[in-house]
Amino acid sequence: MRRDTRGFTLIELLIVVVILGILVAIVVPKFANGKERAMVAAMKSDLRNLMSAEEAFFANGLAYYDGPIPDPAMPYSPSENITVSLSNVTASGWAAQAIHGASGRACDIFVGIAASVGVATEEGQVACTP
């Protein structure tokens, strides 16, 4: 009597499933940080845009904007879910912090002689908490 031997055995299928499981365990953590990196990139971009808007505002009136964001007086609006707040605004500088609603991280920037509100140490350079 002859048996039909086409197909895979149970052992072969289990080996394939284990190999796929190992590959998924390696790949998933690499993509999990992508969302956090995107949030940080959005905060950095928003602070750079704020710096441009503040300098344009200063060029028009020789004073930095010191009010709520967004506001019709200031041609700037942060990205969705990002809150930007100004502090230490004087005639010679300002500082700002951006916080994303879904992230535990914050990014900071300062210009002029304003004191940084976070981890920024160089004027005009965005720095984020680790």
C-alpha atoms as a PDB file:
ATOM      1  CA  MET A   1       0.000   0.000   0.000  1.00  0.00           C
ATOM      2  CA  ARG A   2       1.396   3.357  -1.025  1.00  0.00           C
ATOM      3  CA  ARG A   3       0.888   6.526   1.109  1.00  0.00           C
ATOM      4  CA  ASP A   4       0.639   9.998  -0.300  1.00  0.00           C
ATOM      5  CA  THR A   5       3.615  11.922   1.215  1.00  0.00           C
ATOM      6  CA  ARG A   6       2.948  15.372  -0.161  1.00  0.00           C
ATOM      7  CA  GLY A   7       2.724  18.305   2.283  1.00  0.00           C
ATOM      8  CA  PHE A   8       4.559  19.409   5.401  1.00  0.00           C
ATOM      9  CA  THR A   9       4.895  17.562   8.657  1.00  0.00           C
ATOM     10  CA  LEU A  10       3.822  19.080  11.954  1.00  0.00           C
ATOM     11  CA  ILE A  11       7.458  19.494  13.020  1.00  0.00           C
ATOM     12  CA  GLU A  12       8.322  21.446   9.866  1.00  0.00           C
ATOM     13  CA  LEU A  13       5.372  23.790  10.397  1.00  0.00           C
ATOM     14  CA  LEU A  14       6.315  24.355  14.051  1.00  0.00           C
ATOM     15  CA  ILE A  15       9.903  25.231  13.069  1.00  0.00           C
ATOM     16  CA  VAL A  16       8.644  27.805  10.575  1.00  0.00           C
ATOM     17  CA  VAL A  17       6.314  29.346  13.182  1.00  0.00           C
ATOM     18  CA  VAL A  18       9.161  29.580  15.736  1.00  0.00           C
ATOM     19  CA  ILE A  19      11.468  31.241  13.192  1.00  0.00           C
ATOM     20  CA  LEU A  20       8.752  33.760  12.270  1.00  0.00           C
ATOM     21  CA  GLY A  21       8.163  34.468  15.966  1.00  0.00           C
ATOM     22  CA  ILE A  22      11.866  35.194  16.493  1.00  0.00           C
ATOM     23  CA  LEU A  23      11.952  37.543  13.500  1.00  0.00           C
ATOM     24  CA  VAL A  24       8.860  39.423  14.712  1.00  0.00           C
ATOM     25  CA  ALA A  25      10.411  39.780  18.199  1.00  0.00           C
ATOM     26  CA  ILE A  26      13.458  41.409  16.598  1.00  0.00           C
ATOM     27  CA  VAL A  27      11.583  43.750  14.238  1.00  0.00           C
ATOM     28  CA  VAL A  28       8.687  45.044  16.396  1.00  0.00           C
ATOM     29  CA  PRO A  29      10.804  47.050  18.894  1.00  0.00           C
ATOM     30  CA  LYS A  30      12.515  48.833  16.001  1.00  0.00           C
ATOM     31  CA  PHE A  31       9.165  50.184  14.768  1.00  0.00           C
ATOM     32  CA  ALA A  32       7.712  50.862  18.227  1.00  0.00           C
ATOM     33  CA  ASN A  33      10.027  53.854  18.741  1.00  0.00           C
ATOM     34  CA  GLY A  34       9.015  55.364  15.400  1.00  0.00           C
ATOM     35  CA  LYS A  35       5.929  57.041  16.836  1.00  0.00           C
ATOM     36  CA  GLU A  36       7.909  58.684  19.645  1.00  0.00           C
ATOM     37  CA  ARG A  37      10.563  59.879  17.198  1.00  0.00           C
ATOM     38  CA  ALA A  38       7.835  61.409  15.016  1.00  0.00           C
ATOM     39  CA  MET A  39       6.384  63.298  18.004  1.00  0.00           C
ATOM     40  CA  VAL A  40       9.810  64.665  18.950  1.00  0.00           C
ATOM     41  CA  ALA A  41      10.485  65.679  15.344  1.00  0.00           C
ATOM     42  CA  ALA A  42       7.154  67.553  15.250  1.00  0.00           C
ATOM     43  CA  MET A  43       7.988  69.395  18.482  1.00  0.00           C
ATOM     44  CA  LYS A  44      11.434  70.364  17.166  1.00  0.00           C
ATOM     45  CA  SER A  45       9.940  71.588  13.902  1.00  0.00           C
ATOM     46  CA  ASP A  46       7.314  73.630  15.748  1.00  0.00           C
ATOM     47  CA  LEU A  47       9.959  75.342  17.874  1.00  0.00           C
ATOM     48  CA  ARG A  48      12.068  76.178  14.813  1.00  0.00           C
ATOM     49  CA  ASN A  49       8.971  77.635  13.136  1.00  0.00           C
ATOM     50  CA  LEU A  50       8.236  79.617  16.292  1.00  0.00           C
ATOM     51  CA  MET A  51      11.745  81.048  16.197  1.00  0.00           C
ATOM     52  CA  SER A  52      11.186  82.262  12.624  1.00  0.00           C
ATOM     53  CA  ALA A  53       7.799  83.748  13.544  1.00  0.00           C
ATOM     54  CA  GLU A  54       9.236  85.486  16.628  1.00  0.00           C
ATOM     55  CA  GLU A  55      12.071  87.007  14.609  1.00  0.00           C
ATOM     56  CA  ALA A  56       9.593  88.233  11.969  1.00  0.00           C
ATOM     57  CA  PHE A  57       7.413  89.709  14.727  1.00  0.00           C
ATOM     58  CA  PHE A  58      10.491  91.406  16.222  1.00  0.00           C
ATOM     59  CA  ALA A  59      11.522  92.820  12.843  1.00  0.00           C
ATOM     60  CA  ASN A  60       8.087  94.423  12.463  1.00  0.00           C
ATOM     61  CA  GLY A  61       7.768  95.974  15.918  1.00  0.00           C
ATOM     62  CA  LEU A  62      11.158  95.728  17.685  1.00  0.00           C
ATOM     63  CA  ALA A  63       9.573  93.611  20.410  1.00  0.00           C
ATOM     64  CA  TYR A  64       9.099  89.871  20.807  1.00  0.00           C
ATOM     65  CA  TYR A  65       5.570  88.454  20.946  1.00  0.00           C
ATOM     66  CA  ASP A  66       4.484  87.608  24.501  1.00  0.00           C
ATOM     67  CA  GLY A  67       1.002  86.176  24.429  1.00  0.00           C
ATOM     68  CA  PRO A  68      -0.999  83.006  23.976  1.00  0.00           C
ATOM     69  CA  ILE A  69      -0.249  80.605  21.158  1.00  0.00           C
ATOM     70  CA  PRO A  70      -2.032  80.437  18.735  1.00  0.00           C
ATOM     71  CA  ASP A  71      -3.187  84.030  18.460  1.00  0.00           C
ATOM     72  CA  PRO A  72      -4.240  86.169  15.461  1.00  0.00           C
ATOM     73  CA  ALA A  73      -1.523  88.708  16.332  1.00  0.00           C
ATOM     74  CA  MET A  74       1.186  86.093  15.809  1.00  0.00           C
ATOM     75  CA  PRO A  75       1.513  84.329  12.419  1.00  0.00           C
ATOM     76  CA  TYR A  76       2.253  80.952  14.014  1.00  0.00           C
ATOM     77  CA  SER A  77       0.262  77.882  14.970  1.00  0.00           C
ATOM     78  CA  PRO A  78       1.710  74.661  16.422  1.00  0.00           C
ATOM     79  CA  SER A  79       0.988  71.192  15.072  1.00  0.00           C
ATOM     80  CA  GLU A  80      -1.924  69.101  16.283  1.00  0.00           C
ATOM     81  CA  ASN A  81      -1.604  67.845  19.903  1.00  0.00           C
ATOM     82  CA  ILE A  82       1.427  70.057  20.553  1.00  0.00           C
ATOM     83  CA  THR A  83       1.274  72.806  23.151  1.00  0.00           C
ATOM     84  CA  VAL A  84       3.849  75.584  22.862  1.00  0.00           C
ATOM     85  CA  SER A  85       4.309  78.056  25.700  1.00  0.00           C
ATOM     86  CA  LEU A  86       6.449  81.177  25.809  1.00  0.00           C
ATOM     87  CA  SER A  87       8.286  82.342  28.912  1.00  0.00           C
ATOM     88  CA  ASN A  88      10.967  84.803  29.966  1.00  0.00           C
ATOM     89  CA  VAL A  89       9.983  87.122  27.102  1.00  0.00           C
ATOM     90  CA  THR A  90      11.844  90.437  27.253  1.00  0.00           C
ATOM     91  CA  ALA A  91      13.033  93.021  24.761  1.00  0.00           C
ATOM     92  CA  SER A  92      16.270  91.079  24.422  1.00  0.00           C
ATOM     93  CA  GLY A  93      15.113  87.456  24.224  1.00  0.00           C
ATOM     94  CA  TRP A  94      12.578  84.734  24.894  1.00  0.00           C
ATOM     95  CA  ALA A  95      12.293  81.051  25.750  1.00  0.00           C
ATOM     96  CA  ALA A  96       9.722  78.451  24.743  1.00  0.00           C
ATOM     97  CA  GLN A  97       8.779  74.871  25.494  1.00  0.00           C
ATOM     98  CA  ALA A  98       6.833  72.397  23.354  1.00  0.00           C
ATOM     99  CA  ILE A  99       4.981  69.430  24.830  1.00  0.00           C
ATOM    100  CA  HIS A 100       3.157  66.723  22.869  1.00  0.00           C
ATOM    101  CA  GLY A 101      -0.032  65.446  24.467  1.00  0.00           C
ATOM    102  CA  ALA A 102       0.845  61.766  23.875  1.00  0.00           C
ATOM    103  CA  SER A 103       4.525  61.954  24.803  1.00  0.00           C
ATOM    104  CA  GLY A 104       6.283  62.299  28.119  1.00  0.00           C
ATOM    105  CA  ARG A 105       9.032  64.341  26.506  1.00  0.00           C
ATOM    106  CA  ALA A 106       9.420  68.092  26.141  1.00  0.00           C
ATOM    107  CA  CYS A 107      11.564  70.227  23.830  1.00  0.00           C
ATOM    108  CA  ASP A 108      12.954  73.674  24.622  1.00  0.00           C
ATOM    109  CA  ILE A 109      14.599  76.607  22.882  1.00  0.00           C
ATOM    110  CA  PHE A 110      15.763  80.056  23.924  1.00  0.00           C
ATOM    111  CA  VAL A 111      16.963  83.152  22.092  1.00  0.00           C
ATOM    112  CA  GLY A 112      18.911  86.106  23.452  1.00  0.00           C
ATOM    113  CA  ILE A 113      19.516  86.480  27.163  1.00  0.00           C
ATOM    114  CA  ALA A 114      16.339  84.667  28.217  1.00  0.00           C
ATOM    115  CA  ALA A 115      16.837  81.807  30.646  1.00  0.00           C
ATOM    116  CA  SER A 116      16.088  78.362  29.261  1.00  0.00           C
ATOM    117  CA  VAL A 117      12.963  76.702  30.668  1.00  0.00           C
ATOM    118  CA  GLY A 118      14.307  73.189  30.199  1.00  0.00           C
ATOM    119  CA  VAL A 119      17.300  71.347  28.806  1.00  0.00           C
ATOM    120  CA  ALA A 120      18.325  73.789  26.055  1.00  0.00           C
ATOM    121  CA  THR A 121      21.897  74.986  26.571  1.00  0.00           C
ATOM    122  CA  GLU A 122      22.734  76.722  23.285  1.00  0.00           C
ATOM    123  CA  GLU A 123      20.923  79.764  21.996  1.00  0.00           C
ATOM    124  CA  GLY A 124      18.679  78.987  19.035  1.00  0.00           C
ATOM    125  CA  GLN A 125      19.209  75.212  19.318  1.00  0.00           C
ATOM    126  CA  VAL A 126      16.276  72.945  20.144  1.00  0.00           C
ATOM    127  CA  ALA A 127      16.955  70.414  22.906  1.00  0.00           C
ATOM    128  CA  CYS A 128      14.634  67.673  24.127  1.00  0.00           C
ATOM    129  CA  THR A 129      14.413  65.658  27.315  1.00  0.00           C
ATOM    130  CA  PRO A 130      15.648  62.077  27.005  1.00  0.00           C
END
